Amino acid sequence: MSRIGKHPVKVPAGVTAVITDGEIVVKGKLGELKTHLPHGVKVTQEGDEIIVRPISDDKEHRMLWGTVRANIHNLVQGVSEGFKRKLELIGVGYKAQVQGQTLKLSLGYSHDIDYALPSEVKAVCSTPTVIELSSADKQKLGQVASEIRSYRSPEPYKGKGVKYEEETVLRKVGKKK
């Protein structure tokens, strides 16, 4: 039995949700997001709540139940509040700057890395070593943050690299004499 799927998704004021055949479209102040609804669940809207139920007691339908509910919740939260992710650059000379929709990264290589940001994702560099990403689409935001981190992931000896703000890097002891 899905514990997360049992809870309805609250739709705040200013957000509209339209459920059509096999798709849900959510519109709010931060944009419009939509997702495909799989065959195994039934989605209905009652007042200011969206309710997700499996169409049968089959194992596959019960597996989709909580996932679809979580995806719809992310859509509603994205168009109403948005999502944010912070990345930190740790290392001598590591820095980042935003130029339009391009993120210019200096990560200790012989060349700078120019990362083209998707149109849905906004980046702000409050300091040269902190990148603040924001978007209404949680999946796209996580993908962009992961790609930026993959250019120089943190290494375990000195901790140098690009890491998430909440991430802790497990440190190893270096060579002993």
N, C-alpha and C. Protein backbone atom coordinates (compact mmCIF):
# COMPACT_ATOMS: atom_id res chain seq x y z
N MET A 1 0.84 -1.17 0.00
CA MET A 1 0.00 0.00 0.00
C MET A 1 0.88 1.24 0.00
N SER A 2 0.67 2.15 -0.94
CA SER A 2 1.47 3.36 -1.03
C SER A 2 1.08 4.33 0.08
N ARG A 3 2.08 4.78 0.82
CA ARG A 3 1.78 5.75 1.87
C ARG A 3 1.74 7.16 1.31
N ILE A 4 2.60 7.46 0.34
CA ILE A 4 2.62 8.80 -0.24
C ILE A 4 1.45 8.98 -1.21
N GLY A 5 1.06 7.92 -1.90
CA GLY A 5 -0.01 8.02 -2.88
C GLY A 5 -1.36 8.30 -2.27
N LYS A 6 -1.55 7.95 -0.98
CA LYS A 6 -2.84 8.16 -0.33
C LYS A 6 -3.15 9.63 -0.11
N HIS A 7 -2.13 10.47 0.00
CA HIS A 7 -2.34 11.88 0.31
C HIS A 7 -2.67 12.66 -0.96
N PRO A 8 -3.70 13.48 -0.94
CA PRO A 8 -4.01 14.29 -2.12
C PRO A 8 -3.01 15.43 -2.27
N VAL A 9 -2.87 15.93 -3.50
CA VAL A 9 -1.98 17.06 -3.79
C VAL A 9 -2.81 18.33 -3.70
N LYS A 10 -2.43 19.25 -2.82
CA LYS A 10 -3.15 20.51 -2.67
C LYS A 10 -2.71 21.46 -3.78
N VAL A 11 -3.68 22.07 -4.45
CA VAL A 11 -3.41 23.05 -5.50
C VAL A 11 -3.60 24.44 -4.91
N PRO A 12 -2.51 25.23 -4.76
CA PRO A 12 -2.65 26.55 -4.14
C PRO A 12 -3.37 27.53 -5.06
N ALA A 13 -3.76 28.67 -4.50
CA ALA A 13 -4.43 29.71 -5.28
C ALA A 13 -3.47 30.25 -6.33
N GLY A 14 -3.98 30.50 -7.51
CA GLY A 14 -3.13 31.01 -8.60
C GLY A 14 -2.56 29.91 -9.47
N VAL A 15 -2.83 28.66 -9.14
CA VAL A 15 -2.35 27.52 -9.92
C VAL A 15 -3.55 26.78 -10.47
N THR A 16 -3.51 26.46 -11.76
CA THR A 16 -4.60 25.70 -12.38
C THR A 16 -4.04 24.39 -12.92
N ALA A 17 -4.81 23.35 -12.77
CA ALA A 17 -4.43 22.03 -13.27
C ALA A 17 -5.53 21.53 -14.20
N VAL A 18 -5.12 21.08 -15.39
CA VAL A 18 -6.06 20.54 -16.37
C VAL A 18 -5.67 19.10 -16.66
N ILE A 19 -6.59 18.18 -16.36
CA ILE A 19 -6.33 16.76 -16.58
C ILE A 19 -7.06 16.35 -17.85
N THR A 20 -6.29 15.92 -18.84
CA THR A 20 -6.87 15.43 -20.08
C THR A 20 -6.54 13.96 -20.21
N ASP A 21 -6.83 13.38 -21.34
CA ASP A 21 -6.61 11.95 -21.56
C ASP A 21 -5.11 11.64 -21.56
N GLY A 22 -4.61 11.08 -20.48
CA GLY A 22 -3.21 10.65 -20.42
C GLY A 22 -2.20 11.75 -20.17
N GLU A 23 -2.64 12.95 -19.75
CA GLU A 23 -1.71 14.04 -19.52
C GLU A 23 -2.29 15.02 -18.52
N ILE A 24 -1.40 15.65 -17.74
CA ILE A 24 -1.82 16.71 -16.82
C ILE A 24 -0.98 17.94 -17.12
N VAL A 25 -1.63 19.10 -17.22
CA VAL A 25 -0.97 20.37 -17.48
C VAL A 25 -1.23 21.27 -16.28
N VAL A 26 -0.14 21.79 -15.68
CA VAL A 26 -0.24 22.65 -14.51
C VAL A 26 0.33 24.03 -14.88
N LYS A 27 -0.46 25.08 -14.64
CA LYS A 27 -0.02 26.45 -14.95
C LYS A 27 0.00 27.26 -13.67
N GLY A 28 1.03 28.11 -13.55
CA GLY A 28 1.15 28.97 -12.38
C GLY A 28 1.96 30.20 -12.73
N LYS A 29 2.36 30.95 -11.70
CA LYS A 29 3.07 32.21 -11.93
C LYS A 29 4.48 31.98 -12.49
N LEU A 30 5.06 30.82 -12.32
CA LEU A 30 6.41 30.54 -12.82
C LEU A 30 6.43 29.78 -14.14
N GLY A 31 5.26 29.55 -14.74
CA GLY A 31 5.24 28.90 -16.04
C GLY A 31 4.22 27.79 -16.12
N GLU A 32 4.45 26.93 -17.10
CA GLU A 32 3.54 25.82 -17.37
C GLU A 32 4.36 24.53 -17.49
N LEU A 33 3.93 23.51 -16.79
CA LEU A 33 4.59 22.21 -16.85
C LEU A 33 3.54 21.14 -17.14
N LYS A 34 3.96 20.10 -17.82
CA LYS A 34 3.04 18.99 -18.09
C LYS A 34 3.78 17.68 -17.99
N THR A 35 3.02 16.62 -17.72
CA THR A 35 3.60 15.30 -17.64
C THR A 35 2.60 14.27 -18.16
N HIS A 36 3.16 13.16 -18.60
CA HIS A 36 2.37 12.04 -19.11
C HIS A 36 1.85 11.23 -17.92
N LEU A 37 0.62 10.80 -17.99
CA LEU A 37 0.04 9.95 -16.95
C LEU A 37 0.01 8.51 -17.46
N PRO A 38 0.66 7.59 -16.78
CA PRO A 38 0.65 6.20 -17.24
C PRO A 38 -0.73 5.55 -17.12
N HIS A 39 -0.88 4.43 -17.76
CA HIS A 39 -2.17 3.74 -17.85
C HIS A 39 -2.67 3.20 -16.51
N GLY A 40 -1.79 2.89 -15.59
CA GLY A 40 -2.19 2.18 -14.38
C GLY A 40 -2.81 3.00 -13.28
N VAL A 41 -2.92 4.33 -13.43
CA VAL A 41 -3.48 5.16 -12.38
C VAL A 41 -4.60 6.03 -12.91
N LYS A 42 -5.50 6.43 -11.99
CA LYS A 42 -6.60 7.32 -12.34
C LYS A 42 -6.40 8.62 -11.55
N VAL A 43 -6.36 9.74 -12.25
CA VAL A 43 -6.13 11.04 -11.62
C VAL A 43 -7.41 11.87 -11.76
N THR A 44 -7.90 12.38 -10.62
CA THR A 44 -9.09 13.22 -10.63
C THR A 44 -8.83 14.48 -9.83
N GLN A 45 -9.60 15.53 -10.14
CA GLN A 45 -9.48 16.78 -9.40
C GLN A 45 -10.80 17.05 -8.70
N GLU A 46 -10.72 17.23 -7.38
CA GLU A 46 -11.90 17.53 -6.58
C GLU A 46 -11.64 18.81 -5.80
N GLY A 47 -12.21 19.91 -6.28
CA GLY A 47 -11.98 21.20 -5.63
C GLY A 47 -10.55 21.66 -5.84
N ASP A 48 -9.86 21.92 -4.74
CA ASP A 48 -8.47 22.36 -4.84
C ASP A 48 -7.49 21.21 -4.53
N GLU A 49 -7.91 19.98 -4.76
CA GLU A 49 -7.06 18.82 -4.52
C GLU A 49 -7.03 17.92 -5.75
N ILE A 50 -5.86 17.33 -6.00
CA ILE A 50 -5.72 16.33 -7.06
C ILE A 50 -5.52 14.99 -6.37
N ILE A 51 -6.35 14.02 -6.73
CA ILE A 51 -6.32 12.71 -6.09
C ILE A 51 -5.85 11.67 -7.11
N VAL A 52 -4.91 10.83 -6.70
CA VAL A 52 -4.36 9.77 -7.55
C VAL A 52 -4.74 8.43 -6.94
N ARG A 53 -5.26 7.54 -7.78
CA ARG A 53 -5.65 6.19 -7.31
C ARG A 53 -5.22 5.17 -8.35
N PRO A 54 -4.82 3.98 -7.93
CA PRO A 54 -4.53 2.92 -8.91
C PRO A 54 -5.85 2.38 -9.47
N ILE A 55 -5.83 1.91 -10.72
CA ILE A 55 -7.08 1.43 -11.31
C ILE A 55 -7.41 0.01 -10.86
N SER A 56 -6.40 -0.73 -10.35
CA SER A 56 -6.67 -2.06 -9.81
C SER A 56 -5.67 -2.34 -8.69
N ASP A 57 -5.78 -3.50 -8.09
CA ASP A 57 -4.88 -3.87 -7.00
C ASP A 57 -3.65 -4.61 -7.53
N ASP A 58 -3.40 -4.53 -8.82
CA ASP A 58 -2.25 -5.17 -9.44
C ASP A 58 -0.96 -4.52 -8.93
N LYS A 59 0.11 -5.29 -8.82
CA LYS A 59 1.37 -4.80 -8.28
C LYS A 59 1.94 -3.65 -9.10
N GLU A 60 1.87 -3.76 -10.43
CA GLU A 60 2.41 -2.71 -11.30
C GLU A 60 1.64 -1.40 -11.12
N HIS A 61 0.35 -1.46 -10.96
CA HIS A 61 -0.47 -0.26 -10.78
C HIS A 61 -0.20 0.38 -9.43
N ARG A 62 0.00 -0.43 -8.40
CA ARG A 62 0.32 0.11 -7.08
C ARG A 62 1.71 0.74 -7.06
N MET A 63 2.65 0.21 -7.88
CA MET A 63 3.99 0.79 -7.95
C MET A 63 3.94 2.20 -8.57
N LEU A 64 3.09 2.38 -9.57
CA LEU A 64 2.98 3.68 -10.24
C LEU A 64 2.27 4.73 -9.39
N TRP A 65 1.47 4.30 -8.45
CA TRP A 65 0.61 5.17 -7.67
C TRP A 65 1.39 6.29 -6.97
N GLY A 66 2.35 5.93 -6.15
CA GLY A 66 3.13 6.92 -5.41
C GLY A 66 4.03 7.76 -6.31
N THR A 67 4.54 7.14 -7.37
CA THR A 67 5.42 7.87 -8.29
C THR A 67 4.66 8.98 -9.01
N VAL A 68 3.48 8.66 -9.50
CA VAL A 68 2.68 9.65 -10.22
C VAL A 68 2.27 10.78 -9.28
N ARG A 69 1.89 10.44 -8.06
CA ARG A 69 1.50 11.46 -7.09
C ARG A 69 2.67 12.39 -6.79
N ALA A 70 3.88 11.84 -6.63
CA ALA A 70 5.07 12.65 -6.35
C ALA A 70 5.40 13.55 -7.55
N ASN A 71 5.25 13.04 -8.77
CA ASN A 71 5.52 13.85 -9.96
C ASN A 71 4.54 15.01 -10.06
N ILE A 72 3.26 14.76 -9.77
CA ILE A 72 2.26 15.82 -9.82
C ILE A 72 2.54 16.86 -8.74
N HIS A 73 2.93 16.42 -7.56
CA HIS A 73 3.29 17.35 -6.48
C HIS A 73 4.46 18.23 -6.90
N ASN A 74 5.46 17.66 -7.57
CA ASN A 74 6.61 18.43 -8.04
C ASN A 74 6.19 19.46 -9.09
N LEU A 75 5.25 19.11 -9.95
CA LEU A 75 4.75 20.06 -10.94
C LEU A 75 4.08 21.25 -10.25
N VAL A 76 3.19 20.96 -9.29
CA VAL A 76 2.46 22.01 -8.60
C VAL A 76 3.42 22.90 -7.81
N GLN A 77 4.36 22.30 -7.11
CA GLN A 77 5.32 23.08 -6.33
C GLN A 77 6.23 23.90 -7.24
N GLY A 78 6.58 23.34 -8.40
CA GLY A 78 7.47 24.03 -9.33
C GLY A 78 6.84 25.28 -9.91
N VAL A 79 5.58 25.23 -10.32
CA VAL A 79 4.95 26.41 -10.93
C VAL A 79 4.52 27.43 -9.89
N SER A 80 4.41 27.03 -8.62
CA SER A 80 3.99 27.99 -7.60
C SER A 80 5.19 28.59 -6.86
N GLU A 81 6.17 27.78 -6.46
CA GLU A 81 7.31 28.26 -5.68
C GLU A 81 8.63 28.16 -6.45
N GLY A 82 8.81 27.10 -7.23
CA GLY A 82 10.07 26.88 -7.92
C GLY A 82 11.03 26.08 -7.06
N PHE A 83 12.13 25.67 -7.67
CA PHE A 83 13.16 24.90 -6.97
C PHE A 83 14.49 25.61 -7.10
N LYS A 84 15.35 25.44 -6.10
CA LYS A 84 16.68 26.06 -6.11
C LYS A 84 17.72 25.01 -5.77
N ARG A 85 18.91 25.20 -6.31
CA ARG A 85 20.04 24.31 -6.01
C ARG A 85 21.30 25.15 -5.99
N LYS A 86 22.15 24.98 -4.98
CA LYS A 86 23.40 25.73 -4.88
C LYS A 86 24.58 24.79 -5.08
N LEU A 87 25.56 25.25 -5.84
CA LEU A 87 26.80 24.53 -6.06
C LEU A 87 27.95 25.38 -5.54
N GLU A 88 28.93 24.74 -4.91
CA GLU A 88 30.11 25.44 -4.40
C GLU A 88 31.34 24.96 -5.16
N LEU A 89 32.22 25.90 -5.51
CA LEU A 89 33.48 25.58 -6.16
C LEU A 89 34.58 25.71 -5.12
N ILE A 90 35.29 24.62 -4.87
CA ILE A 90 36.34 24.61 -3.86
C ILE A 90 37.65 24.28 -4.55
N GLY A 91 38.60 25.18 -4.46
CA GLY A 91 39.91 24.99 -5.07
C GLY A 91 40.51 26.33 -5.44
N VAL A 92 41.82 26.39 -5.47
CA VAL A 92 42.52 27.64 -5.78
C VAL A 92 42.28 27.99 -7.25
N GLY A 93 41.75 29.18 -7.50
CA GLY A 93 41.50 29.64 -8.85
C GLY A 93 40.21 29.14 -9.48
N TYR A 94 39.42 28.35 -8.75
CA TYR A 94 38.16 27.86 -9.30
C TYR A 94 37.13 28.99 -9.20
N LYS A 95 36.49 29.32 -10.31
CA LYS A 95 35.50 30.38 -10.29
C LYS A 95 34.48 30.18 -11.40
N ALA A 96 33.35 30.86 -11.25
CA ALA A 96 32.26 30.77 -12.23
C ALA A 96 31.69 32.15 -12.44
N GLN A 97 31.17 32.39 -13.65
CA GLN A 97 30.47 33.63 -13.94
C GLN A 97 29.41 33.36 -14.99
N VAL A 98 28.31 34.10 -14.88
CA VAL A 98 27.18 33.94 -15.80
C VAL A 98 27.26 35.04 -16.85
N GLN A 99 27.17 34.63 -18.12
CA GLN A 99 27.14 35.59 -19.23
C GLN A 99 25.93 35.24 -20.09
N GLY A 100 24.81 35.90 -19.82
CA GLY A 100 23.57 35.59 -20.52
C GLY A 100 23.07 34.21 -20.11
N GLN A 101 22.90 33.30 -21.08
CA GLN A 101 22.50 31.92 -20.79
C GLN A 101 23.69 30.97 -20.86
N THR A 102 24.90 31.51 -20.66
CA THR A 102 26.12 30.69 -20.65
C THR A 102 26.78 30.81 -19.29
N LEU A 103 27.20 29.68 -18.76
CA LEU A 103 27.92 29.65 -17.50
C LEU A 103 29.39 29.36 -17.81
N LYS A 104 30.28 30.29 -17.46
CA LYS A 104 31.70 30.15 -17.74
C LYS A 104 32.40 29.64 -16.48
N LEU A 105 33.01 28.47 -16.58
CA LEU A 105 33.63 27.81 -15.44
C LEU A 105 35.14 27.73 -15.62
N SER A 106 35.89 28.14 -14.60
CA SER A 106 37.35 27.94 -14.56
C SER A 106 37.62 26.93 -13.46
N LEU A 107 37.95 25.71 -13.87
CA LEU A 107 38.07 24.61 -12.90
C LEU A 107 39.46 23.98 -12.89
N GLY A 108 40.48 24.74 -13.21
CA GLY A 108 41.83 24.23 -13.13
C GLY A 108 42.32 23.52 -14.38
N TYR A 109 41.51 23.49 -15.42
CA TYR A 109 41.95 22.91 -16.68
C TYR A 109 42.70 23.97 -17.47
N SER A 110 43.30 23.59 -18.59
CA SER A 110 44.03 24.53 -19.43
C SER A 110 43.10 25.47 -20.18
N HIS A 111 41.81 25.19 -20.14
CA HIS A 111 40.83 26.01 -20.85
C HIS A 111 39.61 26.22 -19.95
N ASP A 112 38.85 27.27 -20.23
CA ASP A 112 37.59 27.50 -19.51
C ASP A 112 36.49 26.64 -20.14
N ILE A 113 35.51 26.29 -19.33
CA ILE A 113 34.38 25.49 -19.81
C ILE A 113 33.18 26.42 -19.95
N ASP A 114 32.59 26.47 -21.14
CA ASP A 114 31.38 27.24 -21.38
C ASP A 114 30.20 26.28 -21.40
N TYR A 115 29.35 26.38 -20.40
CA TYR A 115 28.18 25.51 -20.29
C TYR A 115 26.94 26.30 -20.69
N ALA A 116 26.25 25.87 -21.73
CA ALA A 116 25.03 26.53 -22.19
C ALA A 116 23.86 26.07 -21.33
N LEU A 117 23.27 26.99 -20.61
CA LEU A 117 22.14 26.67 -19.74
C LEU A 117 20.86 26.52 -20.57
N PRO A 118 20.01 25.55 -20.24
CA PRO A 118 18.71 25.46 -20.92
C PRO A 118 17.86 26.68 -20.59
N SER A 119 16.87 26.96 -21.42
CA SER A 119 16.05 28.16 -21.23
C SER A 119 15.23 28.09 -19.94
N GLU A 120 14.93 26.89 -19.42
CA GLU A 120 14.12 26.76 -18.21
C GLU A 120 14.91 27.04 -16.94
N VAL A 121 16.24 27.01 -17.00
CA VAL A 121 17.08 27.12 -15.81
C VAL A 121 17.77 28.48 -15.79
N LYS A 122 17.70 29.14 -14.63
CA LYS A 122 18.37 30.43 -14.43
C LYS A 122 19.53 30.22 -13.46
N ALA A 123 20.64 30.92 -13.72
CA ALA A 123 21.81 30.81 -12.86
C ALA A 123 22.22 32.20 -12.39
N VAL A 124 22.67 32.28 -11.12
CA VAL A 124 23.17 33.51 -10.55
C VAL A 124 24.42 33.16 -9.77
N CYS A 125 25.48 33.94 -9.94
CA CYS A 125 26.71 33.75 -9.18
C CYS A 125 26.83 34.90 -8.19
N SER A 126 26.43 34.68 -6.93
CA SER A 126 26.51 35.72 -5.91
C SER A 126 27.96 36.03 -5.57
N THR A 127 28.79 35.00 -5.52
CA THR A 127 30.24 35.15 -5.39
C THR A 127 30.85 34.28 -6.48
N PRO A 128 32.13 34.47 -6.80
CA PRO A 128 32.72 33.66 -7.88
C PRO A 128 32.79 32.16 -7.58
N THR A 129 32.59 31.77 -6.32
CA THR A 129 32.69 30.36 -5.97
C THR A 129 31.35 29.72 -5.62
N VAL A 130 30.24 30.44 -5.82
CA VAL A 130 28.92 29.89 -5.52
C VAL A 130 28.01 30.10 -6.74
N ILE A 131 27.39 29.01 -7.19
CA ILE A 131 26.44 29.07 -8.30
C ILE A 131 25.06 28.72 -7.75
N GLU A 132 24.10 29.61 -7.95
CA GLU A 132 22.73 29.37 -7.51
C GLU A 132 21.87 29.11 -8.75
N LEU A 133 21.34 27.90 -8.87
CA LEU A 133 20.49 27.52 -9.99
C LEU A 133 19.04 27.52 -9.53
N SER A 134 18.13 27.98 -10.39
CA SER A 134 16.71 27.95 -10.04
C SER A 134 15.90 27.61 -11.29
N SER A 135 14.80 26.89 -11.07
CA SER A 135 13.93 26.47 -12.17
C SER A 135 12.59 26.02 -11.61
N ALA A 136 11.60 25.97 -12.49
CA ALA A 136 10.30 25.42 -12.11
C ALA A 136 10.29 23.90 -12.29
N ASP A 137 11.15 23.37 -13.16
CA ASP A 137 11.22 21.95 -13.47
C ASP A 137 12.30 21.28 -12.62
N LYS A 138 11.88 20.47 -11.67
CA LYS A 138 12.82 19.84 -10.73
C LYS A 138 13.77 18.88 -11.43
N GLN A 139 13.27 18.12 -12.40
CA GLN A 139 14.11 17.16 -13.11
C GLN A 139 15.19 17.87 -13.91
N LYS A 140 14.83 18.92 -14.63
CA LYS A 140 15.78 19.67 -15.44
C LYS A 140 16.83 20.35 -14.57
N LEU A 141 16.41 20.88 -13.43
CA LEU A 141 17.33 21.53 -12.50
C LEU A 141 18.36 20.54 -11.96
N GLY A 142 17.90 19.36 -11.56
CA GLY A 142 18.82 18.34 -11.06
C GLY A 142 19.78 17.86 -12.12
N GLN A 143 19.31 17.74 -13.36
CA GLN A 143 20.16 17.31 -14.47
C GLN A 143 21.26 18.33 -14.75
N VAL A 144 20.90 19.62 -14.77
CA VAL A 144 21.89 20.67 -15.03
C VAL A 144 22.92 20.72 -13.90
N ALA A 145 22.46 20.64 -12.65
CA ALA A 145 23.37 20.67 -11.51
C ALA A 145 24.33 19.47 -11.56
N SER A 146 23.82 18.31 -11.94
CA SER A 146 24.65 17.12 -12.04
C SER A 146 25.69 17.24 -13.15
N GLU A 147 25.30 17.82 -14.29
CA GLU A 147 26.25 17.99 -15.39
C GLU A 147 27.36 18.97 -15.02
N ILE A 148 27.01 20.06 -14.33
CA ILE A 148 28.02 21.03 -13.90
C ILE A 148 28.97 20.38 -12.90
N ARG A 149 28.42 19.60 -11.97
CA ARG A 149 29.25 18.93 -10.96
C ARG A 149 30.18 17.91 -11.60
N SER A 150 29.75 17.28 -12.70
CA SER A 150 30.56 16.22 -13.33
C SER A 150 31.82 16.76 -14.00
N TYR A 151 31.90 18.06 -14.25
CA TYR A 151 33.12 18.62 -14.86
C TYR A 151 34.32 18.48 -13.93
N ARG A 152 34.10 18.58 -12.62
CA ARG A 152 35.18 18.39 -11.65
C ARG A 152 34.53 18.02 -10.32
N SER A 153 34.21 16.72 -10.16
CA SER A 153 33.58 16.29 -8.92
C SER A 153 34.61 16.33 -7.79
N PRO A 154 34.17 16.50 -6.54
CA PRO A 154 35.10 16.66 -5.43
C PRO A 154 35.96 15.41 -5.21
N GLU A 155 37.24 15.65 -4.99
CA GLU A 155 38.14 14.52 -4.76
C GLU A 155 38.34 14.34 -3.25
N PRO A 156 38.64 13.12 -2.81
CA PRO A 156 38.60 12.82 -1.37
C PRO A 156 39.82 13.26 -0.56
N TYR A 157 40.91 13.71 -1.18
CA TYR A 157 42.11 14.02 -0.41
C TYR A 157 42.15 15.49 0.03
N LYS A 158 41.87 16.42 -0.86
CA LYS A 158 41.85 17.83 -0.49
C LYS A 158 40.45 18.42 -0.55
N GLY A 159 39.50 17.71 -1.14
CA GLY A 159 38.12 18.18 -1.23
C GLY A 159 37.90 19.17 -2.36
N LYS A 160 38.86 19.29 -3.28
CA LYS A 160 38.74 20.24 -4.37
C LYS A 160 37.73 19.75 -5.40
N GLY A 161 36.98 20.68 -5.98
CA GLY A 161 36.02 20.34 -7.01
C GLY A 161 34.72 21.10 -6.85
N VAL A 162 33.71 20.67 -7.60
CA VAL A 162 32.38 21.28 -7.55
C VAL A 162 31.49 20.35 -6.74
N LYS A 163 30.88 20.90 -5.67
CA LYS A 163 30.02 20.08 -4.84
C LYS A 163 28.71 20.80 -4.57
N TYR A 164 27.67 20.02 -4.23
CA TYR A 164 26.41 20.60 -3.82
C TYR A 164 26.60 21.26 -2.46
N GLU A 165 25.80 22.26 -2.15
CA GLU A 165 25.95 22.99 -0.89
C GLU A 165 25.79 22.07 0.32
N GLU A 166 24.81 21.17 0.27
CA GLU A 166 24.54 20.30 1.42
C GLU A 166 25.38 19.03 1.45
N GLU A 167 26.20 18.82 0.41
CA GLU A 167 26.99 17.60 0.29
C GLU A 167 28.20 17.66 1.22
N THR A 168 28.52 16.53 1.85
CA THR A 168 29.75 16.44 2.62
C THR A 168 30.68 15.46 1.91
N VAL A 169 31.92 15.89 1.74
CA VAL A 169 32.90 15.07 1.03
C VAL A 169 33.65 14.26 2.08
N LEU A 170 33.61 12.92 1.93
CA LEU A 170 34.35 12.06 2.85
C LEU A 170 35.83 12.18 2.52
N ARG A 171 36.61 12.55 3.52
CA ARG A 171 38.03 12.81 3.30
C ARG A 171 38.84 11.56 3.65
N LYS A 172 39.89 11.32 2.86
CA LYS A 172 40.80 10.22 3.11
C LYS A 172 42.12 10.78 3.65
N VAL A 173 42.85 9.92 4.35
CA VAL A 173 44.15 10.31 4.87
C VAL A 173 45.15 10.10 3.74
N GLY A 174 46.08 11.05 3.61
CA GLY A 174 47.09 10.95 2.55
C GLY A 174 48.18 9.96 2.91
N LYS A 175 49.29 10.03 2.18
CA LYS A 175 50.40 9.11 2.43
C LYS A 175 51.01 9.33 3.80
N LYS A 176 51.45 8.26 4.43
CA LYS A 176 52.09 8.35 5.73
C LYS A 176 53.55 7.97 5.56
N LYS A 177 54.42 8.57 6.36
CA LYS A 177 55.85 8.26 6.25
C LYS A 177 56.23 7.06 7.04
